[in-house]
Amino acid sequence: MQITLYRGADEFSAELEINEDGEIGGEYPLDVLVQRNPIGTCAYVLNTDAQAAMIDAHIKLMQAKKKALQNNSERARTALKQAMQLTGVTAIKSDDGTFKATLYKERDESIDVFDSLQLPHDYMREIPAKYEPDKTLIKKAIKSGYEVPGAKLVKNDRLAIA
């Protein structure tokens, strides 16, 4: 009998109890289920990874759609503001009174720093440098035979499922 990905994943999943958060629970410990059905476990891992990848792809699509909607809204808002500024209209209201737009002239203030080199030193703030480990550099140094205090090279096992 040949086990397909989906059938193997379904057989393994049938023995799992998934809680409301989507986490594995159940009366049998996971390691017991894995020992009983390693092929089904592989199928489950591949199937679950594929589902997660599909969700990631859908999230990216939805984020792109959200960004496009936000851009459209902002462009329309800017066009409405410019039209109101050009015509001198300061308020627009829907016929049924459910929404309105009001243009407040010179209400908001902000500072435009057009040349920071001309600013006196008293008007500048210091932003401290951020230090974090450069793991690529540390790995290169250790592999070259140097001892780096506070760091070590750790080798881990990797399981490849394909």
C-alpha atoms as a PDB file:
ATOM      1  CA  MET A   1       0.000   0.000   0.000  1.00  0.00           C
ATOM      2  CA  GLN A   2       1.326   3.408  -0.964  1.00  0.00           C
ATOM      3  CA  ILE A   3       0.833   6.343   1.395  1.00  0.00           C
ATOM      4  CA  THR A   4       0.180   9.693  -0.284  1.00  0.00           C
ATOM      5  CA  LEU A   5       1.062  12.981   1.334  1.00  0.00           C
ATOM      6  CA  TYR A   6      -2.514  13.932   2.100  1.00  0.00           C
ATOM      7  CA  ARG A   7      -3.588  10.488   3.247  1.00  0.00           C
ATOM      8  CA  GLY A   8      -0.527  10.187   5.501  1.00  0.00           C
ATOM      9  CA  ALA A   9      -1.124  13.652   6.907  1.00  0.00           C
ATOM     10  CA  ASP A  10      -4.808  12.874   7.466  1.00  0.00           C
ATOM     11  CA  GLU A  11      -3.998   9.614   9.255  1.00  0.00           C
ATOM     12  CA  PHE A  12      -1.541  11.384  11.542  1.00  0.00           C
ATOM     13  CA  SER A  13      -3.831  14.382  12.064  1.00  0.00           C
ATOM     14  CA  ALA A  14      -6.720  12.100  13.027  1.00  0.00           C
ATOM     15  CA  GLU A  15      -4.792  11.058  16.137  1.00  0.00           C
ATOM     16  CA  LEU A  16      -3.959  14.632  17.126  1.00  0.00           C
ATOM     17  CA  GLU A  17      -6.111  16.892  19.169  1.00  0.00           C
ATOM     18  CA  ILE A  18      -5.666  20.490  18.087  1.00  0.00           C
ATOM     19  CA  ASN A  19      -6.773  23.089  20.660  1.00  0.00           C
ATOM     20  CA  GLU A  20      -8.581  26.355  19.881  1.00  0.00           C
ATOM     21  CA  ASP A  21      -5.205  28.115  19.449  1.00  0.00           C
ATOM     22  CA  GLY A  22      -4.201  25.601  16.754  1.00  0.00           C
ATOM     23  CA  GLU A  23      -1.609  23.907  18.980  1.00  0.00           C
ATOM     24  CA  ILE A  24      -1.200  20.132  19.279  1.00  0.00           C
ATOM     25  CA  GLY A  25      -2.654  18.576  22.407  1.00  0.00           C
ATOM     26  CA  GLY A  26      -4.319  15.226  22.981  1.00  0.00           C
ATOM     27  CA  GLU A  27      -4.138  12.222  25.267  1.00  0.00           C
ATOM     28  CA  TYR A  28      -1.004  10.742  23.652  1.00  0.00           C
ATOM     29  CA  PRO A  29       2.307  12.592  23.859  1.00  0.00           C
ATOM     30  CA  LEU A  30       3.483  13.742  20.433  1.00  0.00           C
ATOM     31  CA  ASP A  31       6.665  11.647  20.575  1.00  0.00           C
ATOM     32  CA  VAL A  32       4.566   8.464  20.993  1.00  0.00           C
ATOM     33  CA  LEU A  33       2.472   9.353  17.942  1.00  0.00           C
ATOM     34  CA  VAL A  34       5.629  10.092  15.943  1.00  0.00           C
ATOM     35  CA  GLN A  35       7.195   6.751  16.890  1.00  0.00           C
ATOM     36  CA  ARG A  36       4.002   4.934  15.922  1.00  0.00           C
ATOM     37  CA  ASN A  37       3.663   6.658  12.554  1.00  0.00           C
ATOM     38  CA  PRO A  38       6.894   8.273  11.286  1.00  0.00           C
ATOM     39  CA  ILE A  39       5.755   8.311   7.634  1.00  0.00           C
ATOM     40  CA  GLY A  40       2.503   9.981   8.595  1.00  0.00           C
ATOM     41  CA  THR A  41       4.531  12.466  10.645  1.00  0.00           C
ATOM     42  CA  CYS A  42       6.620  13.388   7.589  1.00  0.00           C
ATOM     43  CA  ALA A  43       3.451  13.797   5.533  1.00  0.00           C
ATOM     44  CA  TYR A  44       1.909  15.918   8.294  1.00  0.00           C
ATOM     45  CA  VAL A  45       5.001  18.172   8.459  1.00  0.00           C
ATOM     46  CA  LEU A  46       5.049  18.695   4.685  1.00  0.00           C
ATOM     47  CA  ASN A  47       1.305  19.307   4.540  1.00  0.00           C
ATOM     48  CA  THR A  48       1.375  21.722   7.488  1.00  0.00           C
ATOM     49  CA  ASP A  49       4.341  23.601   5.985  1.00  0.00           C
ATOM     50  CA  ALA A  50       2.418  23.892   2.702  1.00  0.00           C
ATOM     51  CA  GLN A  51      -0.636  25.245   4.518  1.00  0.00           C
ATOM     52  CA  ALA A  52       1.517  27.778   6.380  1.00  0.00           C
ATOM     53  CA  ALA A  53       3.119  28.853   3.075  1.00  0.00           C
ATOM     54  CA  MET A  54      -0.335  29.314   1.531  1.00  0.00           C
ATOM     55  CA  ILE A  55      -1.385  31.453   4.501  1.00  0.00           C
ATOM     56  CA  ASP A  56       1.824  33.519   4.173  1.00  0.00           C
ATOM     57  CA  ALA A  57       1.111  34.040   0.462  1.00  0.00           C
ATOM     58  CA  HIS A  58      -2.466  35.076   1.242  1.00  0.00           C
ATOM     59  CA  ILE A  59      -1.272  37.477   3.955  1.00  0.00           C
ATOM     60  CA  LYS A  60       1.160  39.088   1.474  1.00  0.00           C
ATOM     61  CA  LEU A  61      -1.644  39.415  -1.078  1.00  0.00           C
ATOM     62  CA  MET A  62      -3.974  40.966   1.498  1.00  0.00           C
ATOM     63  CA  GLN A  63      -1.217  43.330   2.698  1.00  0.00           C
ATOM     64  CA  ALA A  64      -0.638  44.444  -0.905  1.00  0.00           C
ATOM     65  CA  LYS A  65      -4.383  45.012  -1.361  1.00  0.00           C
ATOM     66  CA  LYS A  66      -4.527  46.920   1.943  1.00  0.00           C
ATOM     67  CA  LYS A  67      -1.589  49.102   0.854  1.00  0.00           C
ATOM     68  CA  ALA A  68      -3.259  49.806  -2.496  1.00  0.00           C
ATOM     69  CA  LEU A  69      -6.489  50.809  -0.737  1.00  0.00           C
ATOM     70  CA  GLN A  70      -4.563  53.066   1.651  1.00  0.00           C
ATOM     71  CA  ASN A  71      -2.693  54.652  -1.284  1.00  0.00           C
ATOM     72  CA  ASN A  72      -5.970  55.210  -3.172  1.00  0.00           C
ATOM     73  CA  SER A  73      -7.540  56.778  -0.087  1.00  0.00           C
ATOM     74  CA  GLU A  74      -4.558  59.060   0.468  1.00  0.00           C
ATOM     75  CA  ARG A  75      -4.472  60.144  -3.202  1.00  0.00           C
ATOM     76  CA  ALA A  76      -8.216  60.914  -3.116  1.00  0.00           C
ATOM     77  CA  ARG A  77      -7.810  62.770   0.208  1.00  0.00           C
ATOM     78  CA  THR A  78      -4.983  64.888  -1.278  1.00  0.00           C
ATOM     79  CA  ALA A  79      -7.014  65.619  -4.425  1.00  0.00           C
ATOM     80  CA  LEU A  80     -10.052  66.632  -2.326  1.00  0.00           C
ATOM     81  CA  LYS A  81      -7.894  68.901  -0.146  1.00  0.00           C
ATOM     82  CA  GLN A  82      -6.363  70.572  -3.212  1.00  0.00           C
ATOM     83  CA  ALA A  83      -9.780  71.061  -4.813  1.00  0.00           C
ATOM     84  CA  MET A  84     -11.144  72.607  -1.621  1.00  0.00           C
ATOM     85  CA  GLN A  85      -8.080  74.870  -1.332  1.00  0.00           C
ATOM     86  CA  LEU A  86      -8.421  76.023  -4.966  1.00  0.00           C
ATOM     87  CA  THR A  87     -12.143  76.725  -4.713  1.00  0.00           C
ATOM     88  CA  GLY A  88     -12.074  78.190  -1.211  1.00  0.00           C
ATOM     89  CA  VAL A  89     -14.591  75.651   0.079  1.00  0.00           C
ATOM     90  CA  THR A  90     -13.972  74.830   3.761  1.00  0.00           C
ATOM     91  CA  ALA A  91     -16.761  72.294   4.415  1.00  0.00           C
ATOM     92  CA  ILE A  92     -18.553  69.576   2.493  1.00  0.00           C
ATOM     93  CA  LYS A  93     -21.390  67.531   3.970  1.00  0.00           C
ATOM     94  CA  SER A  94     -23.374  64.556   2.635  1.00  0.00           C
ATOM     95  CA  ASP A  95     -27.087  65.096   1.970  1.00  0.00           C
ATOM     96  CA  ASP A  96     -28.088  62.712   4.761  1.00  0.00           C
ATOM     97  CA  GLY A  97     -25.523  64.131   7.199  1.00  0.00           C
ATOM     98  CA  THR A  98     -23.682  60.853   7.759  1.00  0.00           C
ATOM     99  CA  PHE A  99     -20.250  62.236   6.837  1.00  0.00           C
ATOM    100  CA  LYS A 100     -18.480  65.510   6.180  1.00  0.00           C
ATOM    101  CA  ALA A 101     -15.116  66.972   5.221  1.00  0.00           C
ATOM    102  CA  THR A 102     -13.765  70.139   6.803  1.00  0.00           C
ATOM    103  CA  LEU A 103     -10.705  72.062   5.644  1.00  0.00           C
ATOM    104  CA  TYR A 104      -9.046  73.874   8.551  1.00  0.00           C
ATOM    105  CA  LYS A 105      -6.825  76.617   7.139  1.00  0.00           C
ATOM    106  CA  GLU A 106      -3.300  76.886   8.651  1.00  0.00           C
ATOM    107  CA  ARG A 107      -4.311  74.784  11.678  1.00  0.00           C
ATOM    108  CA  ASP A 108      -1.380  72.355  11.815  1.00  0.00           C
ATOM    109  CA  GLU A 109       2.223  73.380  12.388  1.00  0.00           C
ATOM    110  CA  SER A 110       5.451  71.532  11.653  1.00  0.00           C
ATOM    111  CA  ILE A 111       9.133  72.346  11.285  1.00  0.00           C
ATOM    112  CA  ASP A 112      10.875  71.959   7.945  1.00  0.00           C
ATOM    113  CA  VAL A 113      14.636  71.560   8.436  1.00  0.00           C
ATOM    114  CA  PHE A 114      15.868  72.490   4.973  1.00  0.00           C
ATOM    115  CA  ASP A 115      19.583  72.564   5.897  1.00  0.00           C
ATOM    116  CA  SER A 116      20.670  70.817   9.096  1.00  0.00           C
ATOM    117  CA  LEU A 117      24.283  72.042   8.640  1.00  0.00           C
ATOM    118  CA  GLN A 118      23.145  75.619   9.357  1.00  0.00           C
ATOM    119  CA  LEU A 119      21.425  74.699  12.636  1.00  0.00           C
ATOM    120  CA  PRO A 120      23.221  75.721  15.858  1.00  0.00           C
ATOM    121  CA  HIS A 121      24.558  72.785  17.878  1.00  0.00           C
ATOM    122  CA  ASP A 122      22.088  73.539  20.712  1.00  0.00           C
ATOM    123  CA  TYR A 123      19.248  72.485  18.426  1.00  0.00           C
ATOM    124  CA  MET A 124      20.720  69.070  17.667  1.00  0.00           C
ATOM    125  CA  ARG A 125      20.288  65.842  19.647  1.00  0.00           C
ATOM    126  CA  GLU A 126      22.701  62.968  19.849  1.00  0.00           C
ATOM    127  CA  ILE A 127      21.424  59.570  18.843  1.00  0.00           C
ATOM    128  CA  PRO A 128      23.679  56.926  20.419  1.00  0.00           C
ATOM    129  CA  ALA A 129      25.144  54.164  18.303  1.00  0.00           C
ATOM    130  CA  LYS A 130      23.533  50.738  18.564  1.00  0.00           C
ATOM    131  CA  TYR A 131      25.804  47.769  19.094  1.00  0.00           C
ATOM    132  CA  GLU A 132      24.829  44.188  18.351  1.00  0.00           C
ATOM    133  CA  PRO A 133      26.821  41.026  17.668  1.00  0.00           C
ATOM    134  CA  ASP A 134      27.968  40.534  14.079  1.00  0.00           C
ATOM    135  CA  LYS A 135      27.377  36.781  13.919  1.00  0.00           C
ATOM    136  CA  THR A 136      28.789  36.469  10.393  1.00  0.00           C
ATOM    137  CA  LEU A 137      32.071  38.071  11.452  1.00  0.00           C
ATOM    138  CA  ILE A 138      32.211  35.999  14.660  1.00  0.00           C
ATOM    139  CA  LYS A 139      31.618  32.762  12.720  1.00  0.00           C
ATOM    140  CA  LYS A 140      34.329  33.660  10.218  1.00  0.00           C
ATOM    141  CA  ALA A 141      36.803  34.413  13.041  1.00  0.00           C
ATOM    142  CA  ILE A 142      36.091  31.158  14.905  1.00  0.00           C
ATOM    143  CA  LYS A 143      36.342  29.104  11.691  1.00  0.00           C
ATOM    144  CA  SER A 144      39.697  30.809  11.041  1.00  0.00           C
ATOM    145  CA  GLY A 145      40.968  29.541  14.398  1.00  0.00           C
ATOM    146  CA  TYR A 146      40.462  32.621  16.574  1.00  0.00           C
ATOM    147  CA  GLU A 147      38.852  32.411  19.998  1.00  0.00           C
ATOM    148  CA  VAL A 148      36.064  34.932  20.450  1.00  0.00           C
ATOM    149  CA  PRO A 149      35.210  35.485  24.145  1.00  0.00           C
ATOM    150  CA  GLY A 150      31.485  35.228  24.777  1.00  0.00           C
ATOM    151  CA  ALA A 151      30.727  33.289  21.598  1.00  0.00           C
ATOM    152  CA  LYS A 152      31.086  29.736  20.383  1.00  0.00           C
ATOM    153  CA  LEU A 153      30.279  27.789  17.241  1.00  0.00           C
ATOM    154  CA  VAL A 154      27.354  25.429  17.791  1.00  0.00           C
ATOM    155  CA  LYS A 155      26.586  22.601  15.380  1.00  0.00           C
ATOM    156  CA  ASN A 156      22.986  21.416  15.248  1.00  0.00           C
ATOM    157  CA  ASP A 157      21.321  18.432  13.591  1.00  0.00           C
ATOM    158  CA  ARG A 158      19.022  19.177  10.679  1.00  0.00           C
ATOM    159  CA  LEU A 159      16.073  17.115   9.541  1.00  0.00           C
ATOM    160  CA  ALA A 160      15.282  17.495   5.859  1.00  0.00           C
ATOM    161  CA  ILE A 161      11.842  16.436   4.682  1.00  0.00           C
ATOM    162  CA  ALA A 162      11.180  16.577   0.975  1.00  0.00           C
END
